[in-house]
Full PDB file with SEQRES, HELIX, SHEET, SSBOND, CRYST1, ORIGX, SCALE, CONECT and MASTER records, all heavy atoms in Angstrom:
SEQRES   1 A   33  ALA ILE CYS ARG PRO LEU ARG TYR GLY ALA ILE VAL SER          
SEQRES   2 A   33  PRO ARG LEU CYS HIS LEU LEU ALA ALA THR CYS TRP LEU          
SEQRES   3 A   33  ALA GLY VAL PRO VAL SER LEU                                  
HELIX    1 AA1 PRO A    5  ARG A    7  5                                   3    
HELIX    2 AA2 TYR A    8  ILE A   11  1                                   4    
HELIX    3 AA3 PRO A   14  SER A   32  1                                  19    
CRYST1    1.000    1.000    1.000  90.00  90.00  90.00 P 1           1          
ORIGX1      1.000000  0.000000  0.000000        0.00000                         
ORIGX2      0.000000  1.000000  0.000000        0.00000                         
ORIGX3      0.000000  0.000000  1.000000        0.00000                         
SCALE1      1.000000  0.000000  0.000000        0.00000                         
SCALE2      0.000000  1.000000  0.000000        0.00000                         
SCALE3      0.000000  0.000000  1.000000        0.00000                         
ATOM      1  N   ALA A   1     162.718  23.128  37.175  1.00  0.00           N  
ATOM      2  CA  ALA A   1     161.311  23.143  36.875  1.00  0.00           C  
ATOM      3  C   ALA A   1     160.966  22.383  35.630  1.00  0.00           C  
ATOM      4  O   ALA A   1     159.918  21.684  35.547  1.00  0.00           O  
ATOM      5  CB  ALA A   1     160.833  24.600  36.746  1.00  0.00           C  
ATOM      6  N   ILE A   2     161.875  22.431  34.645  1.00  0.00           N  
ATOM      7  CA  ILE A   2     161.586  21.808  33.317  1.00  0.00           C  
ATOM      8  C   ILE A   2     162.145  20.366  33.236  1.00  0.00           C  
ATOM      9  O   ILE A   2     161.496  19.465  32.736  1.00  0.00           O  
ATOM     10  CB  ILE A   2     162.101  22.623  32.154  1.00  0.00           C  
ATOM     11  CG1 ILE A   2     161.300  23.980  32.186  1.00  0.00           C  
ATOM     12  CG2 ILE A   2     162.022  21.932  30.854  1.00  0.00           C  
ATOM     13  CD1 ILE A   2     161.866  25.022  31.179  1.00  0.00           C  
ATOM     14  N   CYS A   3     163.334  20.195  33.780  1.00  0.00           N  
ATOM     15  CA  CYS A   3     164.027  18.911  33.647  1.00  0.00           C  
ATOM     16  C   CYS A   3     163.713  17.941  34.853  1.00  0.00           C  
ATOM     17  O   CYS A   3     163.866  16.715  34.717  1.00  0.00           O  
ATOM     18  CB  CYS A   3     165.505  19.109  33.566  1.00  0.00           C  
ATOM     19  SG  CYS A   3     166.046  20.099  32.149  1.00  0.00           S  
ATOM     20  N   ARG A   4     163.350  18.488  35.967  1.00  0.00           N  
ATOM     21  CA  ARG A   4     162.960  17.661  37.126  1.00  0.00           C  
ATOM     22  C   ARG A   4     161.641  18.081  37.744  1.00  0.00           C  
ATOM     23  O   ARG A   4     161.554  18.440  38.917  1.00  0.00           O  
ATOM     24  CB  ARG A   4     164.095  17.763  38.238  1.00  0.00           C  
ATOM     25  CG  ARG A   4     165.482  17.345  37.793  1.00  0.00           C  
ATOM     26  CD  ARG A   4     165.600  15.828  37.645  1.00  0.00           C  
ATOM     27  NE  ARG A   4     166.942  15.402  37.363  1.00  0.00           N  
ATOM     28  CZ  ARG A   4     167.499  15.304  36.152  1.00  0.00           C  
ATOM     29  NH1 ARG A   4     166.719  15.641  35.123  1.00  0.00           N  
ATOM     30  NH2 ARG A   4     168.710  14.911  35.990  1.00  0.00           N  
ATOM     31  N   PRO A   5     160.577  18.131  36.914  1.00  0.00           N  
ATOM     32  CA  PRO A   5     159.292  18.742  37.412  1.00  0.00           C  
ATOM     33  C   PRO A   5     158.716  17.990  38.623  1.00  0.00           C  
ATOM     34  O   PRO A   5     158.099  18.668  39.502  1.00  0.00           O  
ATOM     35  CB  PRO A   5     158.435  18.651  36.204  1.00  0.00           C  
ATOM     36  CG  PRO A   5     159.028  17.559  35.340  1.00  0.00           C  
ATOM     37  CD  PRO A   5     160.499  17.621  35.583  1.00  0.00           C  
ATOM     38  N   LEU A   6     158.861  16.681  38.711  1.00  0.00           N  
ATOM     39  CA  LEU A   6     158.297  15.934  39.789  1.00  0.00           C  
ATOM     40  C   LEU A   6     158.976  16.204  41.112  1.00  0.00           C  
ATOM     41  O   LEU A   6     158.372  15.965  42.184  1.00  0.00           O  
ATOM     42  CB  LEU A   6     158.268  14.439  39.467  1.00  0.00           C  
ATOM     43  CG  LEU A   6     157.494  14.052  38.222  1.00  0.00           C  
ATOM     44  CD1 LEU A   6     157.558  12.533  38.009  1.00  0.00           C  
ATOM     45  CD2 LEU A   6     155.994  14.489  38.346  1.00  0.00           C  
ATOM     46  N   ARG A   7     160.203  16.623  41.055  1.00  0.00           N  
ATOM     47  CA  ARG A   7     160.953  16.818  42.334  1.00  0.00           C  
ATOM     48  C   ARG A   7     161.176  18.343  42.585  1.00  0.00           C  
ATOM     49  O   ARG A   7     161.881  18.695  43.507  1.00  0.00           O  
ATOM     50  CB  ARG A   7     162.352  16.203  42.219  1.00  0.00           C  
ATOM     51  CG  ARG A   7     162.297  14.648  42.065  1.00  0.00           C  
ATOM     52  CD  ARG A   7     163.672  14.096  42.244  1.00  0.00           C  
ATOM     53  NE  ARG A   7     164.188  14.391  43.583  1.00  0.00           N  
ATOM     54  CZ  ARG A   7     165.464  14.375  43.886  1.00  0.00           C  
ATOM     55  NH1 ARG A   7     166.396  14.003  42.989  1.00  0.00           N  
ATOM     56  NH2 ARG A   7     165.847  14.662  45.100  1.00  0.00           N  
ATOM     57  N   TYR A   8     160.541  19.196  41.779  1.00  0.00           N  
ATOM     58  CA  TYR A   8     160.764  20.656  41.899  1.00  0.00           C  
ATOM     59  C   TYR A   8     160.354  21.130  43.285  1.00  0.00           C  
ATOM     60  O   TYR A   8     161.174  21.918  43.897  1.00  0.00           O  
ATOM     61  CB  TYR A   8     159.918  21.399  40.837  1.00  0.00           C  
ATOM     62  CG  TYR A   8     160.103  22.909  40.890  1.00  0.00           C  
ATOM     63  CD1 TYR A   8     161.222  23.473  40.358  1.00  0.00           C  
ATOM     64  CD2 TYR A   8     159.092  23.711  41.398  1.00  0.00           C  
ATOM     65  CE1 TYR A   8     161.377  24.861  40.363  1.00  0.00           C  
ATOM     66  CE2 TYR A   8     159.232  25.070  41.436  1.00  0.00           C  
ATOM     67  CZ  TYR A   8     160.399  25.662  40.908  1.00  0.00           C  
ATOM     68  OH  TYR A   8     160.521  27.014  40.967  1.00  0.00           O  
ATOM     69  N   GLY A   9     159.243  20.770  43.793  1.00  0.00           N  
ATOM     70  CA  GLY A   9     158.801  21.269  45.077  1.00  0.00           C  
ATOM     71  C   GLY A   9     159.686  20.819  46.210  1.00  0.00           C  
ATOM     72  O   GLY A   9     159.905  21.544  47.215  1.00  0.00           O  
ATOM     73  N   ALA A  10     160.289  19.634  46.133  1.00  0.00           N  
ATOM     74  CA  ALA A  10     161.159  19.107  47.152  1.00  0.00           C  
ATOM     75  C   ALA A  10     162.558  19.766  47.088  1.00  0.00           C  
ATOM     76  O   ALA A  10     163.180  20.067  48.126  1.00  0.00           O  
ATOM     77  CB  ALA A  10     161.287  17.609  47.040  1.00  0.00           C  
ATOM     78  N   ILE A  11     163.038  20.033  45.857  1.00  0.00           N  
ATOM     79  CA  ILE A  11     164.376  20.631  45.690  1.00  0.00           C  
ATOM     80  C   ILE A  11     164.355  22.124  45.941  1.00  0.00           C  
ATOM     81  O   ILE A  11     165.147  22.644  46.739  1.00  0.00           O  
ATOM     82  CB  ILE A  11     164.905  20.302  44.254  1.00  0.00           C  
ATOM     83  CG1 ILE A  11     165.076  18.792  44.056  1.00  0.00           C  
ATOM     84  CG2 ILE A  11     166.219  21.039  44.092  1.00  0.00           C  
ATOM     85  CD1 ILE A  11     165.441  18.447  42.674  1.00  0.00           C  
ATOM     86  N   VAL A  12     163.493  22.834  45.309  1.00  0.00           N  
ATOM     87  CA  VAL A  12     163.461  24.302  45.400  1.00  0.00           C  
ATOM     88  C   VAL A  12     162.472  24.669  46.522  1.00  0.00           C  
ATOM     89  O   VAL A  12     161.396  25.193  46.315  1.00  0.00           O  
ATOM     90  CB  VAL A  12     163.003  24.892  44.063  1.00  0.00           C  
ATOM     91  CG1 VAL A  12     163.208  26.424  44.092  1.00  0.00           C  
ATOM     92  CG2 VAL A  12     163.834  24.331  42.895  1.00  0.00           C  
ATOM     93  N   SER A  13     162.963  24.485  47.762  1.00  0.00           N  
ATOM     94  CA  SER A  13     162.129  24.811  48.914  1.00  0.00           C  
ATOM     95  C   SER A  13     162.207  26.290  49.243  1.00  0.00           C  
ATOM     96  O   SER A  13     163.168  27.005  48.807  1.00  0.00           O  
ATOM     97  CB  SER A  13     162.664  24.006  50.154  1.00  0.00           C  
ATOM     98  OG  SER A  13     163.934  24.412  50.473  1.00  0.00           O  
ATOM     99  N   PRO A  14     161.218  26.852  49.934  1.00  0.00           N  
ATOM    100  CA  PRO A  14     161.262  28.334  50.286  1.00  0.00           C  
ATOM    101  C   PRO A  14     162.508  28.661  51.077  1.00  0.00           C  
ATOM    102  O   PRO A  14     163.100  29.729  50.853  1.00  0.00           O  
ATOM    103  CB  PRO A  14     159.976  28.483  51.121  1.00  0.00           C  
ATOM    104  CG  PRO A  14     159.097  27.417  50.591  1.00  0.00           C  
ATOM    105  CD  PRO A  14     159.937  26.259  50.262  1.00  0.00           C  
ATOM    106  N   ARG A  15     162.946  27.780  51.975  1.00  0.00           N  
ATOM    107  CA  ARG A  15     164.110  28.082  52.800  1.00  0.00           C  
ATOM    108  C   ARG A  15     165.369  28.164  51.905  1.00  0.00           C  
ATOM    109  O   ARG A  15     166.197  29.089  52.063  1.00  0.00           O  
ATOM    110  CB  ARG A  15     164.281  27.025  53.850  1.00  0.00           C  
ATOM    111  CG  ARG A  15     165.453  27.207  54.802  1.00  0.00           C  
ATOM    112  CD  ARG A  15     165.474  26.213  55.914  1.00  0.00           C  
ATOM    113  NE  ARG A  15     166.561  26.435  56.842  1.00  0.00           N  
ATOM    114  CZ  ARG A  15     167.816  25.959  56.662  1.00  0.00           C  
ATOM    115  NH1 ARG A  15     168.085  25.254  55.564  1.00  0.00           N  
ATOM    116  NH2 ARG A  15     168.733  26.203  57.515  1.00  0.00           N  
ATOM    117  N   LEU A  16     165.465  27.238  50.998  1.00  0.00           N  
ATOM    118  CA  LEU A  16     166.635  27.274  50.076  1.00  0.00           C  
ATOM    119  C   LEU A  16     166.629  28.508  49.159  1.00  0.00           C  
ATOM    120  O   LEU A  16     167.656  29.110  48.930  1.00  0.00           O  
ATOM    121  CB  LEU A  16     166.632  26.002  49.207  1.00  0.00           C  
ATOM    122  CG  LEU A  16     167.769  25.927  48.153  1.00  0.00           C  
ATOM    123  CD1 LEU A  16     169.128  25.934  48.837  1.00  0.00           C  
ATOM    124  CD2 LEU A  16     167.627  24.655  47.305  1.00  0.00           C  
ATOM    125  N   CYS A  17     165.470  28.867  48.730  1.00  0.00           N  
ATOM    126  CA  CYS A  17     165.309  30.070  47.847  1.00  0.00           C  
ATOM    127  C   CYS A  17     165.789  31.323  48.591  1.00  0.00           C  
ATOM    128  O   CYS A  17     166.521  32.105  48.024  1.00  0.00           O  
ATOM    129  CB  CYS A  17     163.884  30.261  47.365  1.00  0.00           C  
ATOM    130  SG  CYS A  17     163.322  28.993  46.238  1.00  0.00           S  
ATOM    131  N   HIS A  18     165.378  31.522  49.856  1.00  0.00           N  
ATOM    132  CA  HIS A  18     165.758  32.675  50.550  1.00  0.00           C  
ATOM    133  C   HIS A  18     167.234  32.675  50.887  1.00  0.00           C  
ATOM    134  O   HIS A  18     167.909  33.699  50.869  1.00  0.00           O  
ATOM    135  CB  HIS A  18     164.931  32.784  51.869  1.00  0.00           C  
ATOM    136  CG  HIS A  18     163.552  33.261  51.670  1.00  0.00           C  
ATOM    137  ND1 HIS A  18     162.486  32.429  51.529  1.00  0.00           N  
ATOM    138  CD2 HIS A  18     163.004  34.486  51.520  1.00  0.00           C  
ATOM    139  CE1 HIS A  18     161.337  33.059  51.380  1.00  0.00           C  
ATOM    140  NE2 HIS A  18     161.678  34.352  51.322  1.00  0.00           N  
ATOM    141  N   LEU A  19     167.798  31.473  51.105  1.00  0.00           N  
ATOM    142  CA  LEU A  19     169.204  31.326  51.374  1.00  0.00           C  
ATOM    143  C   LEU A  19     170.030  31.676  50.118  1.00  0.00           C  
ATOM    144  O   LEU A  19     171.019  32.391  50.191  1.00  0.00           O  
ATOM    145  CB  LEU A  19     169.486  29.884  51.855  1.00  0.00           C  
ATOM    146  CG  LEU A  19     171.008  29.570  52.107  1.00  0.00           C  
ATOM    147  CD1 LEU A  19     171.522  30.456  53.255  1.00  0.00           C  
ATOM    148  CD2 LEU A  19     171.172  28.118  52.465  1.00  0.00           C  
ATOM    149  N   LEU A  20     169.569  31.211  48.957  1.00  0.00           N  
ATOM    150  CA  LEU A  20     170.232  31.512  47.688  1.00  0.00           C  
ATOM    151  C   LEU A  20     170.182  33.005  47.412  1.00  0.00           C  
ATOM    152  O   LEU A  20     171.193  33.602  46.936  1.00  0.00           O  
ATOM    153  CB  LEU A  20     169.628  30.730  46.556  1.00  0.00           C  
ATOM    154  CG  LEU A  20     169.893  29.232  46.520  1.00  0.00           C  
ATOM    155  CD1 LEU A  20     169.052  28.553  45.468  1.00  0.00           C  
ATOM    156  CD2 LEU A  20     171.377  28.934  46.278  1.00  0.00           C  
ATOM    157  N   ALA A  21     169.064  33.636  47.612  1.00  0.00           N  
ATOM    158  CA  ALA A  21     168.868  35.070  47.374  1.00  0.00           C  
ATOM    159  C   ALA A  21     169.801  35.866  48.296  1.00  0.00           C  
ATOM    160  O   ALA A  21     170.487  36.830  47.785  1.00  0.00           O  
ATOM    161  CB  ALA A  21     167.425  35.510  47.580  1.00  0.00           C  
ATOM    162  N   ALA A  22     169.882  35.499  49.562  1.00  0.00           N  
ATOM    163  CA  ALA A  22     170.806  36.207  50.431  1.00  0.00           C  
ATOM    164  C   ALA A  22     172.277  36.008  50.076  1.00  0.00           C  
ATOM    165  O   ALA A  22     173.066  36.957  50.105  1.00  0.00           O  
ATOM    166  CB  ALA A  22     170.581  35.703  51.900  1.00  0.00           C  
ATOM    167  N   THR A  23     172.595  34.813  49.622  1.00  0.00           N  
ATOM    168  CA  THR A  23     173.990  34.537  49.206  1.00  0.00           C  
ATOM    169  C   THR A  23     174.356  35.356  47.952  1.00  0.00           C  
ATOM    170  O   THR A  23     175.486  35.900  47.864  1.00  0.00           O  
ATOM    171  CB  THR A  23     174.139  33.046  48.866  1.00  0.00           C  
ATOM    172  OG1 THR A  23     173.797  32.255  50.010  1.00  0.00           O  
ATOM    173  CG2 THR A  23     175.547  32.764  48.404  1.00  0.00           C  
ATOM    174  N   CYS A  24     173.410  35.510  47.037  1.00  0.00           N  
ATOM    175  CA  CYS A  24     173.657  36.373  45.887  1.00  0.00           C  
ATOM    176  C   CYS A  24     173.943  37.833  46.235  1.00  0.00           C  
ATOM    177  O   CYS A  24     174.812  38.435  45.654  1.00  0.00           O  
ATOM    178  CB  CYS A  24     172.475  36.269  44.890  1.00  0.00           C  
ATOM    179  SG  CYS A  24     172.245  34.709  44.125  1.00  0.00           S  
ATOM    180  N   TRP A  25     173.212  38.336  47.221  1.00  0.00           N  
ATOM    181  CA  TRP A  25     173.399  39.713  47.688  1.00  0.00           C  
ATOM    182  C   TRP A  25     174.793  39.874  48.362  1.00  0.00           C  
ATOM    183  O   TRP A  25     175.481  40.884  48.131  1.00  0.00           O  
ATOM    184  CB  TRP A  25     172.321  40.078  48.639  1.00  0.00           C  
ATOM    185  CG  TRP A  25     171.071  40.597  47.974  1.00  0.00           C  
ATOM    186  CD1 TRP A  25     169.918  39.891  47.783  1.00  0.00           C  
ATOM    187  CD2 TRP A  25     170.814  41.872  47.428  1.00  0.00           C  
ATOM    188  NE1 TRP A  25     168.968  40.691  47.130  1.00  0.00           N  
ATOM    189  CE2 TRP A  25     169.510  41.890  46.924  1.00  0.00           C  
ATOM    190  CE3 TRP A  25     171.587  43.042  47.346  1.00  0.00           C  
ATOM    191  CZ2 TRP A  25     168.941  43.032  46.330  1.00  0.00           C  
ATOM    192  CZ3 TRP A  25     171.043  44.149  46.727  1.00  0.00           C  
ATOM    193  CH2 TRP A  25     169.727  44.148  46.254  1.00  0.00           C  
ATOM    194  N   LEU A  26     175.169  38.886  49.173  1.00  0.00           N  
ATOM    195  CA  LEU A  26     176.371  39.031  49.951  1.00  0.00           C  
ATOM    196  C   LEU A  26     177.645  38.586  49.259  1.00  0.00           C  
ATOM    197  O   LEU A  26     178.705  39.007  49.703  1.00  0.00           O  
ATOM    198  CB  LEU A  26     176.215  38.227  51.289  1.00  0.00           C  
ATOM    199  CG  LEU A  26     175.070  38.676  52.214  1.00  0.00           C  
ATOM    200  CD1 LEU A  26     174.936  37.699  53.360  1.00  0.00           C  
ATOM    201  CD2 LEU A  26     175.301  40.089  52.666  1.00  0.00           C  
ATOM    202  N   ALA A  27     177.505  37.813  48.238  1.00  0.00           N  
ATOM    203  CA  ALA A  27     178.723  37.201  47.597  1.00  0.00           C  
ATOM    204  C   ALA A  27     179.663  38.223  47.041  1.00  0.00           C  
ATOM    205  O   ALA A  27     180.863  38.034  47.096  1.00  0.00           O  
ATOM    206  CB  ALA A  27     178.282  36.252  46.530  1.00  0.00           C  
ATOM    207  N   GLY A  28     179.097  39.331  46.520  1.00  0.00           N  
ATOM    208  CA  GLY A  28     180.011  40.310  45.916  1.00  0.00           C  
ATOM    209  C   GLY A  28     180.706  41.251  46.860  1.00  0.00           C  
ATOM    210  O   GLY A  28     181.657  41.961  46.491  1.00  0.00           O  
ATOM    211  N   VAL A  29     180.272  41.277  48.100  1.00  0.00           N  
ATOM    212  CA  VAL A  29     180.932  42.264  49.052  1.00  0.00           C  
ATOM    213  C   VAL A  29     182.353  42.030  49.336  1.00  0.00           C  
ATOM    214  O   VAL A  29     183.203  42.922  49.261  1.00  0.00           O  
ATOM    215  CB  VAL A  29     180.054  42.279  50.395  1.00  0.00           C  
ATOM    216  CG1 VAL A  29     180.702  43.197  51.414  1.00  0.00           C  
ATOM    217  CG2 VAL A  29     178.634  42.712  50.107  1.00  0.00           C  
ATOM    218  N   PRO A  30     182.796  40.763  49.670  1.00  0.00           N  
ATOM    219  CA  PRO A  30     184.223  40.578  49.879  1.00  0.00           C  
ATOM    220  C   PRO A  30     185.129  40.883  48.720  1.00  0.00           C  
ATOM    221  O   PRO A  30     186.142  41.614  48.899  1.00  0.00           O  
ATOM    222  CB  PRO A  30     184.299  39.091  50.294  1.00  0.00           C  
ATOM    223  CG  PRO A  30     182.975  38.672  50.677  1.00  0.00           C  
ATOM    224  CD  PRO A  30     182.058  39.515  49.873  1.00  0.00           C  
ATOM    225  N   VAL A  31     184.716  40.469  47.557  1.00  0.00           N  
ATOM    226  CA  VAL A  31     185.500  40.689  46.329  1.00  0.00           C  
ATOM    227  C   VAL A  31     185.587  42.209  46.046  1.00  0.00           C  
ATOM    228  O   VAL A  31     186.654  42.769  45.754  1.00  0.00           O  
ATOM    229  CB  VAL A  31     184.918  39.933  45.146  1.00  0.00           C  
ATOM    230  CG1 VAL A  31     185.649  40.296  43.848  1.00  0.00           C  
ATOM    231  CG2 VAL A  31     184.955  38.460  45.388  1.00  0.00           C  
ATOM    232  N   SER A  32     184.423  42.888  46.191  1.00  0.00           N  
ATOM    233  CA  SER A  32     184.402  44.346  45.882  1.00  0.00           C  
ATOM    234  C   SER A  32     185.264  45.078  46.878  1.00  0.00           C  
ATOM    235  O   SER A  32     185.949  46.026  46.470  1.00  0.00           O  
ATOM    236  CB  SER A  32     182.911  44.768  45.996  1.00  0.00           C  
ATOM    237  OG  SER A  32     182.076  44.050  45.149  1.00  0.00           O  
ATOM    238  N   LEU A  33     185.228  44.711  48.128  1.00  0.00           N  
ATOM    239  CA  LEU A  33     186.026  45.374  49.139  1.00  0.00           C  
ATOM    240  C   LEU A  33     187.502  45.224  48.827  1.00  0.00           C  
ATOM    241  O   LEU A  33     188.295  46.186  48.909  1.00  0.00           O  
ATOM    242  CB  LEU A  33     185.718  44.845  50.515  1.00  0.00           C  
ATOM    243  CG  LEU A  33     184.569  45.467  51.324  1.00  0.00           C  
ATOM    244  CD1 LEU A  33     184.272  44.675  52.558  1.00  0.00           C  
ATOM    245  CD2 LEU A  33     184.847  46.892  51.627  1.00  0.00           C  
TER     246      LEU A  33                                                      
MASTER        0    0    0    3    0    0    0    6  245    1    0    3          
END                                                                             
């Protein structure tokens, strides 16, 4: 947002955001198990 403001909308798409959020939730499960 601060260093690439003109490309923010193209890079940080809603689909990518939801994918990143889901990855953050699931990433700890294998290690924890």
